[in-house]
C-alpha cells in the first residue's frame, strides 16, 4: 500500500513509515495525506505489526501543507476525516498501535501537528520545530492547540504559535517537546530499537494500555483515575491471560537476575 509519496518497510514487528516528498520537504499535498490515511490504518490492522516508526525523507520531517496546492484548489486544507466522515481529532488517522516519531529535520506547522500526534518523539540533532499557521493565515486543525500546551506548557506553546519562533532540537528536549535527541545518523536505528522494545510486550495488553493513556490524557485528573481503574478492572475480568502472566513473570524474574549480576558501568 506504499506509494511514490509514502514508503512502508515492515521489519519483524515494526513498521517504518516514511513521508517521501523530499524535493518539497515532505509537504502535505492531497496524495500524501491520503496515503497516510490509507497506510496507517492498514498497518494498525496487521496483527504482525506491534509498533510504528514515522519519519521523513531527508532533509525534513514535514514542512506542513503544500502551499502550492493550498493556494490553488485548497483541497489539502480540508481534513481527511471530514471528507471521509471519520471520527478523528488529530493530524493522523485513529490507530491504536503506538507510534514513535523519528524527527529527522524540520517539523513545521502541519508537520509539527503530525509529530505531536505521535506517542514518543525521538529527534535528530538537526531537527527543528515551528508553528507558522498565523504567517499563512490558517488555523490549526490537527490537534496543535491541545497537544502542544500539553507537552511544553501554555506559555511556551503560545510563544511558538504567536511568533513563529523556531525551536532547535536541544531546546525542544529541554522544554519537553521531544523525549530524546540523538546524532542524525543514529536517528532511525534508535527509533526502530525503541519501537522493537515496545513490540516485545504482550500485543493486546500493549494496545489496550496505549488506548488508555490516550483516553486519560483528555480527561481531568480524577476522571482519568476513575477511567484507568475501570479499564483495569475490565481487562482483569475479561482479557487477562493468567498463563501469559505466569510466563511473563518467569521472564521478568530471570531478567532481574541478569541485571543484578551485571557489573556496574
Protein backbone atom coordinates (compact mmCIF):
# COMPACT_ATOMS: atom_id res chain seq x y z
CA UNK A 1 0.00 0.00 0.00
CA UNK A 2 3.02 2.28 -0.09
CA UNK A 3 3.20 4.85 -2.87
CA UNK A 4 5.58 7.29 -4.52
CA UNK A 5 4.94 9.78 -1.70
CA UNK A 6 4.92 7.37 1.24
CA UNK A 7 7.23 4.42 1.84
CA UNK A 8 6.44 1.44 4.06
CA UNK A 9 9.01 -1.02 5.39
CA UNK A 10 7.92 -3.71 7.85
CA UNK A 11 10.81 -5.08 9.90
CA UNK A 12 9.71 -8.01 12.01
CA UNK A 13 7.07 -6.42 14.27
CA UNK A 14 7.93 -2.77 13.46
CA UNK A 15 6.51 -0.80 10.53
CA UNK A 16 8.65 2.11 9.35
CA UNK A 17 6.50 4.68 7.51
CA UNK A 18 8.39 7.43 5.66
CA UNK A 19 6.94 10.64 4.26
CA UNK A 20 8.62 10.86 0.86
CA UNK A 21 8.40 14.16 -0.99
CA UNK A 22 11.96 15.29 -0.26
CA UNK A 23 12.10 17.88 -3.06
CA UNK A 24 9.40 19.91 -1.24
CA UNK A 25 10.47 18.97 2.30
CA UNK A 26 7.73 16.35 2.53
CA UNK A 27 4.98 18.97 2.25
CA UNK A 28 1.48 17.62 2.68
CA UNK A 29 -0.41 17.50 -0.60
CA UNK A 30 -3.63 15.53 -1.01
CA UNK A 31 -1.77 12.48 -2.30
CA UNK A 32 0.48 12.29 0.78
CA UNK A 33 -2.39 12.92 3.20
CA UNK A 34 -4.47 10.22 1.52
CA UNK A 35 -1.54 7.79 1.60
CA UNK A 36 -1.10 8.37 5.36
CA UNK A 37 -4.80 7.76 5.94
CA UNK A 38 -4.66 4.53 3.93
CA UNK A 39 -1.37 3.04 5.11
CA UNK A 40 -1.54 3.73 8.86
CA UNK A 41 -4.96 2.05 9.39
CA UNK A 42 -3.81 -0.91 7.27
CA UNK A 43 -0.67 -1.24 9.39
CA UNK A 44 -2.79 -0.90 12.53
CA UNK A 45 -4.91 -3.83 11.36
CA UNK A 46 -1.87 -6.02 10.65
CA UNK A 47 -1.54 -8.46 13.58
CA UNK A 48 2.17 -8.83 12.84
CA UNK A 49 2.86 -5.11 13.44
CA UNK A 50 3.12 -4.05 17.07
CA UNK A 51 4.77 -0.61 16.78
CA UNK A 52 5.16 2.08 14.13
CA UNK A 53 8.05 4.43 13.38
CA UNK A 54 7.01 7.55 11.47
CA UNK A 55 9.74 9.63 9.82
CA UNK A 56 10.52 11.74 6.77
CA UNK A 57 12.97 11.56 3.89
CA UNK A 58 15.85 13.96 4.46
CA UNK A 59 16.29 16.87 4.68
CA UNK A 60 12.98 17.48 6.52
CA UNK A 61 10.40 15.64 8.57
CA UNK A 62 7.46 17.61 7.19
CA UNK A 63 7.14 21.27 6.26
CA UNK A 64 3.35 21.35 6.65
CA UNK A 65 0.70 21.82 3.99
CA UNK A 66 1.89 22.11 0.41
CA UNK A 67 1.38 25.84 -0.20
CA UNK A 68 1.20 25.41 -3.97
CA UNK A 69 -1.86 23.19 -3.62
CA UNK A 70 -3.21 25.26 -0.74
CA UNK A 71 -3.16 28.44 -2.87
CA UNK A 72 -4.77 26.56 -5.76
CA UNK A 73 -7.50 24.03 -5.11
CA UNK A 74 -7.00 24.16 -1.34
CA UNK A 75 -8.07 20.52 -1.16
CA UNK A 76 -5.21 19.58 1.16
CA UNK A 77 -6.52 22.02 3.78
CA UNK A 78 -9.76 20.09 4.09
CA UNK A 79 -9.23 17.46 6.79
CA UNK A 80 -9.36 13.89 5.56
CA UNK A 81 -11.64 12.97 8.46
CA UNK A 82 -14.21 15.46 7.15
CA UNK A 83 -14.01 14.10 3.63
CA UNK A 84 -14.44 10.52 4.85
CA UNK A 85 -16.66 11.34 7.84
CA UNK A 86 -14.20 9.53 10.09
CA UNK A 87 -14.33 10.29 13.80
CA UNK A 88 -10.82 11.59 14.45
CA UNK A 89 -9.41 14.55 16.31
CA UNK A 90 -5.83 14.75 15.08
CA UNK A 91 -3.50 15.07 12.13
CA UNK A 92 -3.20 11.27 11.90
CA UNK A 93 -5.89 8.62 11.47
CA UNK A 94 -7.15 6.93 14.65
CA UNK A 95 -4.85 3.95 15.25
CA UNK A 96 -4.11 2.07 18.46
CA UNK A 97 -0.63 0.83 17.58
CA UNK A 98 1.97 3.00 19.36
CA UNK A 99 3.78 5.48 17.08
CA UNK A 100 7.39 6.56 17.57
CA UNK A 101 8.06 9.80 15.72
CA UNK A 102 11.61 9.93 14.30
CA UNK A 103 12.02 13.64 13.61
CA UNK A 104 14.87 13.87 11.13
CA UNK A 105 14.63 17.58 10.24
CA UNK A 106 12.20 20.48 10.21
CA UNK A 107 8.71 19.75 11.59
CA UNK A 108 6.71 22.85 10.76
CA UNK A 109 3.01 23.73 11.24
CA UNK A 110 1.12 20.69 9.90
CA UNK A 111 4.34 18.71 10.24
CA UNK A 112 4.56 19.77 13.87
CA UNK A 113 0.99 18.59 14.36
CA UNK A 114 1.88 15.19 12.88
CA UNK A 115 4.82 14.94 15.28
CA UNK A 116 2.62 15.89 18.24
CA UNK A 117 0.19 13.11 17.35
CA UNK A 118 2.94 10.51 17.81
CA UNK A 119 3.25 8.83 21.20
CA UNK A 120 7.02 9.18 21.69
CA UNK A 121 9.33 11.59 19.88
CA UNK A 122 12.98 10.91 19.08
CA UNK A 123 14.71 13.79 17.31
CA UNK A 124 17.84 14.14 15.24
CA UNK A 125 20.25 16.85 16.29
CA UNK A 126 19.22 18.52 13.01
CA UNK A 127 15.54 18.66 13.92
CA UNK A 128 13.76 21.98 14.25
CA UNK A 129 10.18 22.82 15.21
CA UNK A 130 7.94 25.78 14.39
CA UNK A 131 4.30 26.74 14.09
CA UNK A 132 3.61 29.15 11.24
CA UNK A 133 -0.17 28.85 10.94
CA UNK A 134 -0.53 32.60 11.51
CA UNK A 135 2.06 33.51 8.87
CA UNK A 136 -0.06 31.74 6.28
CA UNK A 137 -3.35 32.92 7.76
CA UNK A 138 -4.82 29.50 8.56
CA UNK A 139 -5.95 27.92 11.81
CA UNK A 140 -4.71 24.65 13.35
CA UNK A 141 -6.91 21.61 12.83
CA UNK A 142 -4.68 18.68 13.71
CA UNK A 143 -4.59 19.00 17.47
CA UNK A 144 -1.91 21.66 17.92
CA UNK A 145 -3.77 23.84 20.44
CA UNK A 146 -4.35 20.80 22.66
CA UNK A 147 -1.18 18.75 22.20
CA UNK A 148 1.48 21.47 22.15
CA UNK A 149 0.49 23.01 25.54
CA UNK A 150 0.27 19.51 26.97
CA UNK A 151 3.89 18.88 26.02
CA UNK A 152 5.53 22.24 26.77
CA UNK A 153 3.02 24.31 28.76
CA UNK A 154 0.64 27.03 27.68
CA UNK A 155 3.12 29.92 27.80
CA UNK A 156 5.73 28.27 25.59
CA UNK A 157 3.04 26.97 23.23
CA UNK A 158 1.58 30.44 22.80
CA UNK A 159 5.04 31.87 22.22
CA UNK A 160 5.67 29.38 19.42
CA UNK A 161 2.24 29.85 17.86
CA UNK A 162 2.06 33.65 18.08
CA UNK A 163 5.63 34.38 16.96
CA UNK A 164 6.51 31.52 14.60
CA UNK A 165 9.76 31.10 16.54
CA UNK A 166 11.93 28.16 15.50
CA UNK A 167 12.93 25.74 18.28
CA UNK A 168 16.04 23.64 17.73
CA UNK A 169 16.50 20.06 18.89
CA UNK A 170 18.31 20.85 22.14
CA UNK A 171 15.74 23.45 23.19
CA UNK A 172 12.96 21.02 22.24
CA UNK A 173 14.48 18.42 24.55
CA UNK A 174 14.84 20.88 27.41
CA UNK A 175 11.22 22.02 27.26
CA UNK A 176 9.77 18.52 26.79
CA UNK A 177 8.70 18.88 23.18
CA UNK A 178 10.73 15.76 22.33
CA UNK A 179 11.76 12.83 24.50
CA UNK A 180 15.24 12.13 23.18
CA UNK A 181 17.84 13.71 20.85
CA UNK A 182 20.42 11.59 19.03
CA UNK A 183 23.05 12.14 16.33
CA UNK A 184 21.42 12.31 12.91
CA UNK A 185 22.90 9.07 11.61
CA UNK A 186 21.65 7.24 14.71
CA UNK A 187 18.05 8.51 14.50
CA UNK A 188 16.33 5.72 12.60
CA UNK A 189 18.20 2.90 14.39
CA UNK A 190 17.35 4.48 17.75
CA UNK A 191 13.67 4.89 16.85
CA UNK A 192 13.42 1.35 15.49
CA UNK A 193 15.15 -0.02 18.60
CA UNK A 194 12.63 1.80 20.79
CA UNK A 195 9.71 0.50 18.72
CA UNK A 196 11.19 -3.00 18.79
CA UNK A 197 11.31 -2.85 22.60
CA UNK A 198 7.60 -1.98 22.58
CA UNK A 199 6.93 -4.89 20.23
CA UNK A 200 8.24 -7.39 22.80
CA UNK A 201 5.31 -6.65 25.10
CA UNK A 202 2.10 -8.67 25.05
CA UNK A 203 0.36 -7.29 21.92
CA UNK A 204 -3.20 -6.92 23.15
CA UNK A 205 -2.12 -5.50 26.51
CA UNK A 206 0.19 -3.05 24.72
CA UNK A 207 -2.62 -1.68 22.54
CA UNK A 208 -5.03 -1.57 25.49
CA UNK A 209 -2.58 0.47 27.57
CA UNK A 210 -1.80 2.87 24.70
CA UNK A 211 -5.52 3.42 24.23
CA UNK A 212 -5.95 4.01 27.97
CA UNK A 213 -3.13 6.58 28.06
CA UNK A 214 -4.66 8.49 25.16
CA UNK A 215 -8.15 8.47 26.65
CA UNK A 216 -6.99 9.55 30.10
CA UNK A 217 -4.89 12.37 28.64
CA UNK A 218 -8.09 14.08 27.51
CA UNK A 219 -9.71 13.94 30.95
CA UNK A 220 -9.45 15.87 34.22
CA UNK A 221 -7.27 14.07 36.76
CA UNK A 222 -9.97 12.48 38.92
CA UNK A 223 -11.99 11.35 35.90
CA UNK A 224 -8.82 9.92 34.41
CA UNK A 225 -8.06 7.96 37.57
CA UNK A 226 -11.61 6.54 37.57
CA UNK A 227 -11.32 5.66 33.87
CA UNK A 228 -7.99 3.90 34.37
CA UNK A 229 -9.39 1.91 37.27
CA UNK A 230 -12.48 0.90 35.27
CA UNK A 231 -10.42 -0.22 32.29
CA UNK A 232 -8.04 -2.09 34.58
CA UNK A 233 -10.94 -3.98 36.12
CA UNK A 234 -12.42 -4.70 32.68
CA UNK A 235 -9.09 -6.10 31.50
CA UNK A 236 -8.75 -8.24 34.62
CA UNK A 237 -12.27 -9.61 34.29
CA UNK A 238 -12.35 -10.21 30.56
CA UNK A 239 -9.00 -10.28 28.82
CA UNK A 240 -6.20 -11.21 31.17
CA UNK A 241 -4.36 -14.41 30.25
CA UNK A 242 -3.15 -15.96 33.50
CA UNK A 243 -0.87 -18.35 31.63
CA UNK A 244 0.78 -15.46 29.83
CA UNK A 245 1.17 -13.61 33.13
CA UNK A 246 2.89 -16.63 34.67
CA UNK A 247 5.24 -16.95 31.70
CA UNK A 248 5.97 -13.24 31.77
CA UNK A 249 6.68 -13.41 35.49
CA UNK A 250 9.34 -16.04 34.90
CA UNK A 251 10.89 -13.87 32.19
CA UNK A 252 10.87 -10.79 34.43
CA UNK A 253 12.46 -12.70 37.31
CA UNK A 254 15.18 -14.06 35.03
CA UNK A 255 15.81 -10.63 33.53
CA UNK A 256 16.11 -9.17 37.04
CA UNK A 257 18.67 -11.81 38.00
CA UNK A 258 20.76 -10.98 34.93
CA UNK A 259 20.58 -7.26 35.63
CA UNK A 260 21.59 -7.87 39.24
CA UNK A 261 24.65 -9.82 38.15
CA UNK A 262 25.74 -7.24 35.59
CA UNK A 263 28.79 -5.29 36.82
CA UNK A 264 28.32 -1.53 37.29
CA UNK A 265 29.47 0.70 34.39
